Amino acid sequence: MNEDLLPLEQIVALHAEYGELLDHFTHHCDSVVNRPVRERLAEYCDQLARLHEDEAEDRRRLSGLWRREH
């Protein structure tokens, strides 16, 4: 089995967490409050890049955007 592939349960959990994080991010404008949320969103995009190699470059770009301070 390819060690880069995530189990389906973990993929579903990641998508659920992503939705919750986006909801949190859109309701809190404070950059200090959102810093850990942005970091987790960046990690999520990194993990998705592993799953979807055809979209990997876009996912890595999004990961970098989430890590930038606004």
PDB file of N, CA and C in Angstrom:
ATOM      1  N   MET A   1       0.846  -1.191   0.000  1.00  0.00           N
ATOM      2  CA  MET A   1       0.000   0.000   0.000  1.00  0.00           C
ATOM      3  C   MET A   1       0.888   1.249   0.000  1.00  0.00           C
ATOM      4  N   ASN A   2       0.496   2.250  -0.724  1.00  0.00           N
ATOM      5  CA  ASN A   2       1.252   3.493  -0.804  1.00  0.00           C
ATOM      6  C   ASN A   2       1.149   4.234   0.524  1.00  0.00           C
ATOM      7  N   GLU A   3       2.303   4.499   1.144  1.00  0.00           N
ATOM      8  CA  GLU A   3       2.295   5.147   2.459  1.00  0.00           C
ATOM      9  C   GLU A   3       1.864   6.603   2.406  1.00  0.00           C
ATOM     10  N   ASP A   4       1.848   7.210   1.208  1.00  0.00           N
ATOM     11  CA  ASP A   4       1.393   8.589   1.075  1.00  0.00           C
ATOM     12  C   ASP A   4      -0.125   8.710   1.052  1.00  0.00           C
ATOM     13  N   LEU A   5      -0.812   7.603   0.845  1.00  0.00           N
ATOM     14  CA  LEU A   5      -2.273   7.644   0.789  1.00  0.00           C
ATOM     15  C   LEU A   5      -2.860   7.572   2.189  1.00  0.00           C
ATOM     16  N   LEU A   6      -3.880   8.370   2.416  1.00  0.00           N
ATOM     17  CA  LEU A   6      -4.553   8.380   3.711  1.00  0.00           C
ATOM     18  C   LEU A   6      -5.763   7.458   3.664  1.00  0.00           C
ATOM     19  N   PRO A   7      -6.098   6.834   4.803  1.00  0.00           N
ATOM     20  CA  PRO A   7      -7.314   6.019   4.847  1.00  0.00           C
ATOM     21  C   PRO A   7      -8.554   6.897   4.640  1.00  0.00           C
ATOM     22  N   LEU A   8      -9.606   6.301   4.106  1.00  0.00           N
ATOM     23  CA  LEU A   8     -10.840   7.042   3.828  1.00  0.00           C
ATOM     24  C   LEU A   8     -11.367   7.756   5.071  1.00  0.00           C
ATOM     25  N   GLU A   9     -11.322   7.100   6.219  1.00  0.00           N
ATOM     26  CA  GLU A   9     -11.831   7.720   7.448  1.00  0.00           C
ATOM     27  C   GLU A   9     -11.071   9.007   7.765  1.00  0.00           C
ATOM     28  N   GLN A  10      -9.766   8.991   7.533  1.00  0.00           N
ATOM     29  CA  GLN A  10      -8.959  10.176   7.810  1.00  0.00           C
ATOM     30  C   GLN A  10      -9.260  11.284   6.803  1.00  0.00           C
ATOM     31  N   ILE A  11      -9.507  10.912   5.564  1.00  0.00           N
ATOM     32  CA  ILE A  11      -9.867  11.900   4.546  1.00  0.00           C
ATOM     33  C   ILE A  11     -11.190  12.572   4.905  1.00  0.00           C
ATOM     34  N   VAL A  12     -12.170  11.784   5.301  1.00  0.00           N
ATOM     35  CA  VAL A  12     -13.478  12.331   5.694  1.00  0.00           C
ATOM     36  C   VAL A  12     -13.317  13.252   6.898  1.00  0.00           C
ATOM     37  N   ALA A  13     -12.521  12.832   7.877  1.00  0.00           N
ATOM     38  CA  ALA A  13     -12.291  13.658   9.066  1.00  0.00           C
ATOM     39  C   ALA A  13     -11.606  14.970   8.694  1.00  0.00           C
ATOM     40  N   LEU A  14     -10.659  14.916   7.778  1.00  0.00           N
ATOM     41  CA  LEU A  14      -9.983  16.136   7.329  1.00  0.00           C
ATOM     42  C   LEU A  14     -10.966  17.103   6.682  1.00  0.00           C
ATOM     43  N   HIS A  15     -11.837  16.584   5.827  1.00  0.00           N
ATOM     44  CA  HIS A  15     -12.822  17.448   5.172  1.00  0.00           C
ATOM     45  C   HIS A  15     -13.773  18.066   6.193  1.00  0.00           C
ATOM     46  N   ALA A  16     -14.192  17.301   7.182  1.00  0.00           N
ATOM     47  CA  ALA A  16     -15.083  17.832   8.222  1.00  0.00           C
ATOM     48  C   ALA A  16     -14.372  18.919   9.017  1.00  0.00           C
ATOM     49  N   GLU A  17     -13.122  18.658   9.392  1.00  0.00           N
ATOM     50  CA  GLU A  17     -12.361  19.653  10.149  1.00  0.00           C
ATOM     51  C   GLU A  17     -12.142  20.910   9.318  1.00  0.00           C
ATOM     52  N   TYR A  18     -11.873  20.744   8.034  1.00  0.00           N
ATOM     53  CA  TYR A  18     -11.661  21.883   7.145  1.00  0.00           C
ATOM     54  C   TYR A  18     -12.893  22.793   7.144  1.00  0.00           C
ATOM     55  N   GLY A  19     -14.078  22.195   7.044  1.00  0.00           N
ATOM     56  CA  GLY A  19     -15.310  22.977   7.071  1.00  0.00           C
ATOM     57  C   GLY A  19     -15.475  23.745   8.370  1.00  0.00           C
ATOM     58  N   GLU A  20     -15.173  23.095   9.490  1.00  0.00           N
ATOM     59  CA  GLU A  20     -15.272  23.758  10.794  1.00  0.00           C
ATOM     60  C   GLU A  20     -14.261  24.896  10.905  1.00  0.00           C
ATOM     61  N   LEU A  21     -13.042  24.672  10.427  1.00  0.00           N
ATOM     62  CA  LEU A  21     -12.015  25.708  10.488  1.00  0.00           C
ATOM     63  C   LEU A  21     -12.376  26.902   9.619  1.00  0.00           C
ATOM     64  N   LEU A  22     -12.898  26.648   8.424  1.00  0.00           N
ATOM     65  CA  LEU A  22     -13.313  27.758   7.565  1.00  0.00           C
ATOM     66  C   LEU A  22     -14.436  28.554   8.210  1.00  0.00           C
ATOM     67  N   ASP A  23     -15.373  27.866   8.849  1.00  0.00           N
ATOM     68  CA  ASP A  23     -16.460  28.541   9.547  1.00  0.00           C
ATOM     69  C   ASP A  23     -15.900  29.418  10.659  1.00  0.00           C
ATOM     70  N   HIS A  24     -14.970  28.884  11.440  1.00  0.00           N
ATOM     71  CA  HIS A  24     -14.340  29.651  12.521  1.00  0.00           C
ATOM     72  C   HIS A  24     -13.613  30.863  11.943  1.00  0.00           C
ATOM     73  N   PHE A  25     -12.841  30.638  10.883  1.00  0.00           N
ATOM     74  CA  PHE A  25     -12.041  31.703  10.281  1.00  0.00           C
ATOM     75  C   PHE A  25     -12.922  32.847   9.794  1.00  0.00           C
ATOM     76  N   THR A  26     -14.057  32.529   9.199  1.00  0.00           N
ATOM     77  CA  THR A  26     -14.919  33.576   8.643  1.00  0.00           C
ATOM     78  C   THR A  26     -15.681  34.341   9.719  1.00  0.00           C
ATOM     79  N   HIS A  27     -15.744  33.798  10.944  1.00  0.00           N
ATOM     80  CA  HIS A  27     -16.477  34.479  12.010  1.00  0.00           C
ATOM     81  C   HIS A  27     -15.569  35.221  12.984  1.00  0.00           C
ATOM     82  N   HIS A  28     -14.258  35.095  12.849  1.00  0.00           N
ATOM     83  CA  HIS A  28     -13.314  35.771  13.744  1.00  0.00           C
ATOM     84  C   HIS A  28     -12.319  36.558  12.905  1.00  0.00           C
ATOM     85  N   CYS A  29     -12.333  37.875  13.067  1.00  0.00           N
ATOM     86  CA  CYS A  29     -11.463  38.729  12.255  1.00  0.00           C
ATOM     87  C   CYS A  29     -10.102  38.972  12.903  1.00  0.00           C
ATOM     88  N   ASP A  30      -9.944  38.619  14.169  1.00  0.00           N
ATOM     89  CA  ASP A  30      -8.700  38.854  14.898  1.00  0.00           C
ATOM     90  C   ASP A  30      -7.598  37.932  14.368  1.00  0.00           C
ATOM     91  N   SER A  31      -6.511  38.516  13.869  1.00  0.00           N
ATOM     92  CA  SER A  31      -5.441  37.703  13.278  1.00  0.00           C
ATOM     93  C   SER A  31      -4.748  36.822  14.308  1.00  0.00           C
ATOM     94  N   VAL A  32      -4.687  37.257  15.568  1.00  0.00           N
ATOM     95  CA  VAL A  32      -4.060  36.437  16.614  1.00  0.00           C
ATOM     96  C   VAL A  32      -4.910  35.202  16.886  1.00  0.00           C
ATOM     97  N   VAL A  33      -6.219  35.385  16.948  1.00  0.00           N
ATOM     98  CA  VAL A  33      -7.131  34.259  17.165  1.00  0.00           C
ATOM     99  C   VAL A  33      -7.050  33.290  15.989  1.00  0.00           C
ATOM    100  N   ASN A  34      -6.948  33.824  14.801  1.00  0.00           N
ATOM    101  CA  ASN A  34      -6.972  32.994  13.599  1.00  0.00           C
ATOM    102  C   ASN A  34      -5.633  32.362  13.238  1.00  0.00           C
ATOM    103  N   ARG A  35      -4.541  32.768  13.888  1.00  0.00           N
ATOM    104  CA  ARG A  35      -3.227  32.221  13.522  1.00  0.00           C
ATOM    105  C   ARG A  35      -3.193  30.695  13.576  1.00  0.00           C
ATOM    106  N   PRO A  36      -3.618  30.044  14.684  1.00  0.00           N
ATOM    107  CA  PRO A  36      -3.594  28.577  14.693  1.00  0.00           C
ATOM    108  C   PRO A  36      -4.580  27.972  13.695  1.00  0.00           C
ATOM    109  N   VAL A  37      -5.663  28.667  13.430  1.00  0.00           N
ATOM    110  CA  VAL A  37      -6.639  28.180  12.454  1.00  0.00           C
ATOM    111  C   VAL A  37      -6.021  28.212  11.059  1.00  0.00           C
ATOM    112  N   ARG A  38      -5.353  29.313  10.728  1.00  0.00           N
ATOM    113  CA  ARG A  38      -4.695  29.409   9.423  1.00  0.00           C
ATOM    114  C   ARG A  38      -3.613  28.346   9.272  1.00  0.00           C
ATOM    115  N   GLU A  39      -2.869  28.085  10.346  1.00  0.00           N
ATOM    116  CA  GLU A  39      -1.822  27.062  10.286  1.00  0.00           C
ATOM    117  C   GLU A  39      -2.432  25.687  10.021  1.00  0.00           C
ATOM    118  N   ARG A  40      -3.538  25.392  10.675  1.00  0.00           N
ATOM    119  CA  ARG A  40      -4.183  24.091  10.464  1.00  0.00           C
ATOM    120  C   ARG A  40      -4.747  23.992   9.049  1.00  0.00           C
ATOM    121  N   LEU A  41      -5.308  25.091   8.539  1.00  0.00           N
ATOM    122  CA  LEU A  41      -5.795  25.094   7.159  1.00  0.00           C
ATOM    123  C   LEU A  41      -4.639  24.860   6.180  1.00  0.00           C
ATOM    124  N   ALA A  42      -3.485  25.435   6.464  1.00  0.00           N
ATOM    125  CA  ALA A  42      -2.307  25.215   5.622  1.00  0.00           C
ATOM    126  C   ALA A  42      -1.890  23.751   5.651  1.00  0.00           C
ATOM    127  N   GLU A  43      -1.898  23.150   6.838  1.00  0.00           N
ATOM    128  CA  GLU A  43      -1.559  21.728   6.959  1.00  0.00           C
ATOM    129  C   GLU A  43      -2.559  20.868   6.185  1.00  0.00           C
ATOM    130  N   TYR A  44      -3.815  21.248   6.256  1.00  0.00           N
ATOM    131  CA  TYR A  44      -4.855  20.529   5.521  1.00  0.00           C
ATOM    132  C   TYR A  44      -4.561  20.558   4.016  1.00  0.00           C
ATOM    133  N   CYS A  45      -4.207  21.737   3.508  1.00  0.00           N
ATOM    134  CA  CYS A  45      -3.899  21.856   2.078  1.00  0.00           C
ATOM    135  C   CYS A  45      -2.679  21.018   1.713  1.00  0.00           C
ATOM    136  N   ASP A  46      -1.695  20.968   2.612  1.00  0.00           N
ATOM    137  CA  ASP A  46      -0.521  20.117   2.374  1.00  0.00           C
ATOM    138  C   ASP A  46      -0.932  18.654   2.261  1.00  0.00           C
ATOM    139  N   GLN A  47      -1.814  18.220   3.148  1.00  0.00           N
ATOM    140  CA  GLN A  47      -2.262  16.829   3.123  1.00  0.00           C
ATOM    141  C   GLN A  47      -3.072  16.539   1.863  1.00  0.00           C
ATOM    142  N   LEU A  48      -3.903  17.482   1.460  1.00  0.00           N
ATOM    143  CA  LEU A  48      -4.670  17.294   0.227  1.00  0.00           C
ATOM    144  C   LEU A  48      -3.757  17.219  -0.989  1.00  0.00           C
ATOM    145  N   ALA A  49      -2.662  17.958  -0.962  1.00  0.00           N
ATOM    146  CA  ALA A  49      -1.716  17.909  -2.078  1.00  0.00           C
ATOM    147  C   ALA A  49      -1.165  16.502  -2.240  1.00  0.00           C
ATOM    148  N   ARG A  50      -1.001  15.792  -1.140  1.00  0.00           N
ATOM    149  CA  ARG A  50      -0.540  14.407  -1.208  1.00  0.00           C
ATOM    150  C   ARG A  50      -1.590  13.508  -1.846  1.00  0.00           C
ATOM    151  N   LEU A  51      -2.854  13.818  -1.624  1.00  0.00           N
ATOM    152  CA  LEU A  51      -3.934  12.977  -2.137  1.00  0.00           C
ATOM    153  C   LEU A  51      -4.219  13.217  -3.611  1.00  0.00           C
ATOM    154  N   HIS A  52      -4.126  14.455  -4.015  1.00  0.00           N
ATOM    155  CA  HIS A  52      -4.525  14.836  -5.365  1.00  0.00           C
ATOM    156  C   HIS A  52      -3.328  15.426  -6.101  1.00  0.00           C
ATOM    157  N   GLU A  53      -2.474  14.571  -6.617  1.00  0.00           N
ATOM    158  CA  GLU A  53      -1.264  15.045  -7.280  1.00  0.00           C
ATOM    159  C   GLU A  53      -1.573  15.947  -8.473  1.00  0.00           C
ATOM    160  N   ASP A  54      -2.701  15.733  -9.136  1.00  0.00           N
ATOM    161  CA  ASP A  54      -3.046  16.573 -10.280  1.00  0.00           C
ATOM    162  C   ASP A  54      -3.358  18.004  -9.857  1.00  0.00           C
ATOM    163  N   GLU A  55      -3.719  18.208  -8.587  1.00  0.00           N
ATOM    164  CA  GLU A  55      -4.010  19.539  -8.068  1.00  0.00           C
ATOM    165  C   GLU A  55      -2.967  19.966  -7.042  1.00  0.00           C
ATOM    166  N   ALA A  56      -1.865  19.240  -6.959  1.00  0.00           N
ATOM    167  CA  ALA A  56      -0.887  19.453  -5.891  1.00  0.00           C
ATOM    168  C   ALA A  56      -0.324  20.871  -5.890  1.00  0.00           C
ATOM    169  N   GLU A  57       0.001  21.407  -7.048  1.00  0.00           N
ATOM    170  CA  GLU A  57       0.597  22.743  -7.098  1.00  0.00           C
ATOM    171  C   GLU A  57      -0.374  23.791  -6.560  1.00  0.00           C
ATOM    172  N   ASP A  58      -1.654  23.693  -6.919  1.00  0.00           N
ATOM    173  CA  ASP A  58      -2.655  24.622  -6.392  1.00  0.00           C
ATOM    174  C   ASP A  58      -2.791  24.480  -4.884  1.00  0.00           C
ATOM    175  N   ARG A  59      -2.773  23.248  -4.394  1.00  0.00           N
ATOM    176  CA  ARG A  59      -2.896  23.014  -2.949  1.00  0.00           C
ATOM    177  C   ARG A  59      -1.696  23.592  -2.203  1.00  0.00           C
ATOM    178  N   ARG A  60      -0.507  23.430  -2.772  1.00  0.00           N
ATOM    179  CA  ARG A  60       0.692  23.983  -2.120  1.00  0.00           C
ATOM    180  C   ARG A  60       0.643  25.508  -2.114  1.00  0.00           C
ATOM    181  N   ARG A  61       0.126  26.089  -3.194  1.00  0.00           N
ATOM    182  CA  ARG A  61      -0.017  27.542  -3.253  1.00  0.00           C
ATOM    183  C   ARG A  61      -0.990  28.016  -2.175  1.00  0.00           C
ATOM    184  N   LEU A  62      -2.111  27.303  -2.026  1.00  0.00           N
ATOM    185  CA  LEU A  62      -3.076  27.652  -0.981  1.00  0.00           C
ATOM    186  C   LEU A  62      -2.467  27.498   0.402  1.00  0.00           C
ATOM    187  N   SER A  63      -1.675  26.464   0.581  1.00  0.00           N
ATOM    188  CA  SER A  63      -1.006  26.255   1.857  1.00  0.00           C
ATOM    189  C   SER A  63      -0.136  27.465   2.199  1.00  0.00           C
ATOM    190  N   GLY A  64       0.609  27.944   1.217  1.00  0.00           N
ATOM    191  CA  GLY A  64       1.452  29.117   1.428  1.00  0.00           C
ATOM    192  C   GLY A  64       0.638  30.359   1.737  1.00  0.00           C
ATOM    193  N   LEU A  65      -0.496  30.507   1.078  1.00  0.00           N
ATOM    194  CA  LEU A  65      -1.364  31.659   1.348  1.00  0.00           C
ATOM    195  C   LEU A  65      -1.900  31.635   2.769  1.00  0.00           C
ATOM    196  N   TRP A  66      -2.291  30.455   3.260  1.00  0.00           N
ATOM    197  CA  TRP A  66      -2.803  30.366   4.626  1.00  0.00           C
ATOM    198  C   TRP A  66      -1.715  30.695   5.644  1.00  0.00           C
ATOM    199  N   ARG A  67      -0.468  30.393   5.316  1.00  0.00           N
ATOM    200  CA  ARG A  67       0.624  30.628   6.260  1.00  0.00           C
ATOM    201  C   ARG A  67       1.053  32.095   6.310  1.00  0.00           C
ATOM    202  N   ARG A  68       0.680  32.880   5.297  1.00  0.00           N
ATOM    203  CA  ARG A  68       1.057  34.298   5.283  1.00  0.00           C
ATOM    204  C   ARG A  68       0.237  35.071   6.300  1.00  0.00           C
ATOM    205  N   GLU A  69       0.887  36.004   6.941  1.00  0.00           N
ATOM    206  CA  GLU A  69       0.215  36.897   7.894  1.00  0.00           C
ATOM    207  C   GLU A  69      -0.567  37.946   7.108  1.00  0.00           C
ATOM    208  N   HIS A  70      -1.769  38.254   7.549  1.00  0.00           N
ATOM    209  CA  HIS A  70      -2.591  39.263   6.849  1.00  0.00           C
ATOM    210  C   HIS A  70      -2.601  40.547   7.622  1.00  0.00           C
TER     211      HIS A  70
END
